[in-house]
N, C-alpha and C. Protein backbone atom coordinates (compact mmCIF):
# COMPACT_ATOMS: atom_id res chain seq x y z
N MET A 1 0.84 -0.83 -0.08
CA MET A 1 -0.38 0.05 0.02
C MET A 1 0.87 1.49 -0.12
N PRO A 2 0.82 2.08 -1.13
CA PRO A 2 1.77 3.63 -1.01
C PRO A 2 1.03 4.41 -0.11
N GLY A 3 2.12 5.17 0.90
CA GLY A 3 1.58 6.06 1.36
C GLY A 3 1.16 5.76 2.87
N VAL A 4 1.62 4.33 3.15
CA VAL A 4 1.05 3.80 4.45
C VAL A 4 2.02 3.54 5.01
N ALA A 5 2.28 3.79 6.57
CA ALA A 5 3.91 3.61 7.27
C ALA A 5 3.10 2.86 8.35
N VAL A 6 4.03 1.80 8.54
CA VAL A 6 3.47 0.92 9.54
C VAL A 6 4.53 1.29 10.56
N ARG A 7 3.92 1.11 11.85
CA ARG A 7 4.49 1.49 13.30
C ARG A 7 4.44 0.44 14.18
N LEU A 8 3.64 -0.73 13.76
CA LEU A 8 3.62 -2.03 14.48
C LEU A 8 4.50 -3.07 13.96
N HIS A 9 5.30 -3.90 14.39
CA HIS A 9 6.17 -4.68 13.57
C HIS A 9 5.73 -6.12 14.67
N VAL A 10 5.00 -6.83 14.20
CA VAL A 10 4.87 -8.25 14.75
C VAL A 10 5.39 -9.61 13.92
N ALA A 11 6.04 -10.41 13.97
CA ALA A 11 6.24 -11.60 13.26
C ALA A 11 5.16 -12.41 12.97
N PRO A 12 5.02 -12.89 11.75
CA PRO A 12 3.71 -13.34 11.46
C PRO A 12 3.76 -14.69 12.19
N GLY A 13 2.28 -15.29 12.94
CA GLY A 13 2.37 -16.54 13.26
C GLY A 13 2.61 -16.38 15.10
N THR A 14 3.28 -15.05 15.65
CA THR A 14 3.88 -15.10 17.25
C THR A 14 2.80 -14.58 17.80
N GLU A 15 1.83 -13.46 17.30
CA GLU A 15 1.21 -13.33 18.27
C GLU A 15 0.08 -14.06 18.79
N ASN A 16 0.22 -13.74 20.57
CA ASN A 16 -1.07 -14.04 21.14
C ASN A 16 -1.39 -13.41 22.06
N GLY A 17 -2.71 -13.07 21.65
CA GLY A 17 -3.53 -11.85 22.47
C GLY A 17 -2.81 -11.79 24.13
N ASP A 18 -2.81 -13.10 24.96
CA ASP A 18 -2.50 -12.81 26.10
C ASP A 18 -1.28 -13.40 26.81
N LYS A 19 -0.43 -13.90 26.16
CA LYS A 19 0.86 -14.26 26.49
C LYS A 19 2.10 -13.53 25.51
N ASN A 20 1.42 -12.85 24.11
CA ASN A 20 2.71 -12.46 23.59
C ASN A 20 1.73 -11.18 22.82
N PRO A 21 1.46 -10.17 23.77
CA PRO A 21 0.83 -9.45 22.42
C PRO A 21 1.55 -8.48 21.63
N PRO A 22 1.12 -7.90 20.61
CA PRO A 22 1.95 -7.13 19.73
C PRO A 22 2.45 -5.74 20.42
N ARG A 23 3.90 -5.38 20.12
CA ARG A 23 4.50 -4.53 20.75
C ARG A 23 4.80 -3.20 19.55
N ILE A 24 4.92 -2.16 20.01
CA ILE A 24 5.77 -1.07 19.27
C ILE A 24 6.76 -1.37 19.14
N ALA A 25 7.42 -0.64 18.13
CA ALA A 25 8.80 -0.96 17.48
C ALA A 25 9.67 0.12 18.50
N ALA A 26 10.65 -0.53 19.25
CA ALA A 26 11.69 0.30 20.12
C ALA A 26 12.16 2.03 19.07
N ARG A 27 12.16 2.90 20.39
CA ARG A 27 12.63 3.89 19.56
C ARG A 27 13.36 5.11 20.87
N HIS A 28 14.15 5.86 20.36
CA HIS A 28 14.78 6.49 21.30
C HIS A 28 14.62 7.93 21.29
N LEU A 29 13.99 8.78 21.86
CA LEU A 29 13.70 10.49 21.95
C LEU A 29 14.83 11.06 22.73
N PHE A 30 14.93 12.45 22.19
CA PHE A 30 15.68 13.11 23.23
C PHE A 30 15.18 14.48 23.48
N ASP A 31 15.44 14.78 24.36
CA ASP A 31 14.53 16.17 25.31
C ASP A 31 16.23 17.11 25.35
N VAL A 32 16.04 18.30 25.59
CA VAL A 32 17.39 19.19 25.96
C VAL A 32 16.47 20.44 26.56
N ALA A 33 17.46 20.86 27.42
CA ALA A 33 16.90 22.12 28.32
C ALA A 33 18.38 22.50 28.77
N ILE A 34 18.58 23.88 28.64
CA ILE A 34 19.23 24.75 29.21
C ILE A 34 18.86 26.01 29.81
N GLY A 35 19.69 26.47 30.67
CA GLY A 35 18.98 27.84 31.33
C GLY A 35 19.90 28.23 32.04
N HIS A 36 19.73 29.35 32.78
CA HIS A 36 20.20 30.22 34.18
C HIS A 36 19.59 30.95 34.91
N ASP A 37 19.92 30.96 36.47
CA ASP A 37 18.89 31.78 37.17
C ASP A 37 18.99 32.92 37.67
N ASN A 38 20.28 33.57 37.35
CA ASN A 38 20.75 34.97 37.82
C ASN A 38 21.81 35.81 36.53
N LEU A 39 20.74 35.51 35.84
CA LEU A 39 21.40 36.79 34.18
C LEU A 39 22.00 37.78 35.00
N ASN A 40 21.61 38.86 35.41
CA ASN A 40 21.98 40.10 35.62
C ASN A 40 22.73 40.07 37.09
N ARG A 41 23.06 39.28 37.60
CA ARG A 41 23.86 39.05 39.00
C ARG A 41 23.74 39.77 40.09
N GLY A 42 22.24 40.30 40.26
CA GLY A 42 21.56 40.76 41.31
C GLY A 42 21.37 40.40 42.20
N ALA A 43 21.53 40.94 43.69
CA ALA A 43 21.12 40.21 45.00
C ALA A 43 19.95 40.49 45.16
N ARG A 44 18.81 41.61 44.82
CA ARG A 44 17.78 41.64 45.18
C ARG A 44 16.61 41.25 43.81
N PHE A 45 16.77 41.57 42.88
CA PHE A 45 16.31 41.15 41.68
C PHE A 45 16.93 40.03 40.79
N LYS A 46 16.53 39.26 40.42
CA LYS A 46 17.21 38.07 39.44
C LYS A 46 16.60 37.63 38.25
N ILE A 47 16.81 37.83 36.99
CA ILE A 47 16.08 37.52 36.10
C ILE A 47 16.76 35.84 35.32
N SER A 48 15.87 35.56 35.23
CA SER A 48 16.26 33.90 34.78
C SER A 48 15.49 33.66 33.36
N ALA A 49 16.16 32.52 32.57
CA ALA A 49 15.72 32.53 31.03
C ALA A 49 15.96 30.66 30.97
N ARG A 50 15.18 30.02 30.31
CA ARG A 50 15.33 28.87 29.98
C ARG A 50 15.05 28.61 28.68
N LEU A 51 15.74 27.50 27.84
CA LEU A 51 15.23 26.90 26.75
C LEU A 51 15.09 25.73 26.74
N THR A 52 13.96 25.37 26.53
CA THR A 52 13.67 23.68 26.40
C THR A 52 13.20 23.10 25.00
N VAL A 53 13.75 22.21 24.41
CA VAL A 53 13.24 21.32 23.38
C VAL A 53 12.70 20.16 23.32
N ILE A 54 11.80 19.74 23.04
CA ILE A 54 11.14 18.42 23.33
C ILE A 54 11.14 17.35 22.15
N ASN A 55 11.59 16.24 22.14
CA ASN A 55 11.57 15.68 20.58
C ASN A 55 12.86 16.05 19.51
N LEU A 56 13.73 16.51 20.26
CA LEU A 56 14.90 17.06 19.52
C LEU A 56 15.41 16.53 18.23
N GLY A 57 14.87 14.98 17.71
CA GLY A 57 14.77 14.67 16.39
C GLY A 57 13.82 14.79 15.46
N ASN A 58 12.48 15.07 16.15
CA ASN A 58 11.27 15.31 15.76
C ASN A 58 11.30 14.10 15.02
N LYS A 59 11.26 13.09 15.62
CA LYS A 59 10.77 11.18 15.29
C LYS A 59 9.35 11.35 15.34
N TYR A 60 8.85 10.40 14.58
CA TYR A 60 7.27 10.42 14.46
C TYR A 60 7.03 9.08 14.89
N ALA A 61 6.56 8.90 16.13
CA ALA A 61 6.58 7.36 16.32
C ALA A 61 5.20 7.21 17.27
N LEU A 62 4.87 5.65 17.39
CA LEU A 62 3.64 5.46 17.79
C LEU A 62 4.27 5.06 19.80
N TYR A 63 3.52 5.48 20.60
CA TYR A 63 3.76 5.05 21.79
C TYR A 63 2.69 4.51 22.94
N ASN A 64 1.53 4.27 22.33
CA ASN A 64 0.59 3.82 23.36
C ASN A 64 -0.47 3.20 22.14
N PHE A 65 -0.59 1.96 21.79
CA PHE A 65 -1.58 1.26 20.86
C PHE A 65 -2.57 0.49 21.17
N LEU A 66 -3.45 1.16 20.99
CA LEU A 66 -5.07 0.76 21.24
C LEU A 66 -5.15 0.61 22.76
N SER A 67 -5.00 1.29 23.71
CA SER A 67 -5.38 1.18 25.21
C SER A 67 -6.54 1.18 25.41
N THR A 68 -7.20 0.70 26.00
CA THR A 68 -8.92 0.54 26.57
C THR A 68 -8.87 1.55 26.78
N PHE A 69 -8.50 2.65 27.37
CA PHE A 69 -9.55 3.67 28.10
C PHE A 69 -9.14 5.08 27.36
N SER A 70 -7.64 5.14 26.97
CA SER A 70 -7.03 6.46 26.12
C SER A 70 -6.94 6.31 24.61
N GLY A 71 -7.01 5.14 23.98
CA GLY A 71 -7.11 4.80 22.46
C GLY A 71 -5.58 5.09 22.04
N THR A 72 -5.07 5.33 20.98
CA THR A 72 -3.53 5.51 19.92
C THR A 72 -3.30 6.59 20.22
N HIS A 73 -2.14 6.69 20.56
CA HIS A 73 -1.27 8.40 20.87
C HIS A 73 0.16 8.01 19.84
N TYR A 74 0.45 9.35 19.60
CA TYR A 74 1.71 9.41 18.97
C TYR A 74 2.65 10.28 19.60
N VAL A 75 3.84 10.46 19.59
CA VAL A 75 5.05 11.29 20.16
C VAL A 75 4.63 12.50 20.12
N THR A 76 4.55 13.69 20.47
CA THR A 76 4.50 15.33 20.17
C THR A 76 5.60 15.51 19.35
N PRO A 77 5.38 16.46 18.40
CA PRO A 77 6.01 16.77 17.41
C PRO A 77 7.30 17.52 18.11
N ARG A 78 8.19 18.07 17.64
CA ARG A 78 9.45 18.80 18.18
C ARG A 78 8.56 20.14 18.59
N THR A 79 8.93 20.52 20.05
CA THR A 79 8.52 21.33 20.63
C THR A 79 9.43 22.59 21.35
N VAL A 80 9.46 23.65 20.92
CA VAL A 80 10.37 24.26 21.51
C VAL A 80 9.67 25.53 22.21
N THR A 81 10.37 25.62 23.70
CA THR A 81 9.74 26.59 24.61
C THR A 81 10.68 27.15 25.31
N ALA A 82 10.63 28.69 25.06
CA ALA A 82 11.33 29.76 25.84
C ALA A 82 10.64 30.56 27.09
N GLN A 83 11.63 30.58 28.27
CA GLN A 83 10.69 31.02 29.00
C GLN A 83 11.64 32.07 29.80
N LEU A 84 11.11 33.33 30.33
CA LEU A 84 12.02 34.59 31.00
C LEU A 84 11.38 34.52 32.23
N GLY A 85 11.97 34.89 33.59
CA GLY A 85 11.50 35.19 34.70
C GLY A 85 12.21 36.14 35.04
N PHE A 86 11.24 36.46 36.11
CA PHE A 86 11.64 37.65 37.41
C PHE A 86 11.48 37.22 38.67
N ASN A 87 12.46 37.35 39.21
CA ASN A 87 12.02 37.01 40.62
C ASN A 87 12.56 37.98 41.66
N PHE A 88 11.81 38.32 42.46
CA PHE A 88 11.79 39.57 43.52
C PHE A 88 11.85 39.01 44.98
């Protein structure tokens, strides 16, 4: 079938719903965060900054296959978050 991505790999004839249920293919995801809590080096007021990247490699993967209560879910695509803080 053209255009269909297979995310679940089960060897033919090995599936058993009770003792050998189908599993999701293994994957590795990387998250990165960097920040600093006292940018202005002040004693009374402090400025902080943080940059977070979730799913750095932007992998497309299945992580929950047909769960009874929550259904099928995919990994969140790459997300970049920046945060500035003013502490007093």
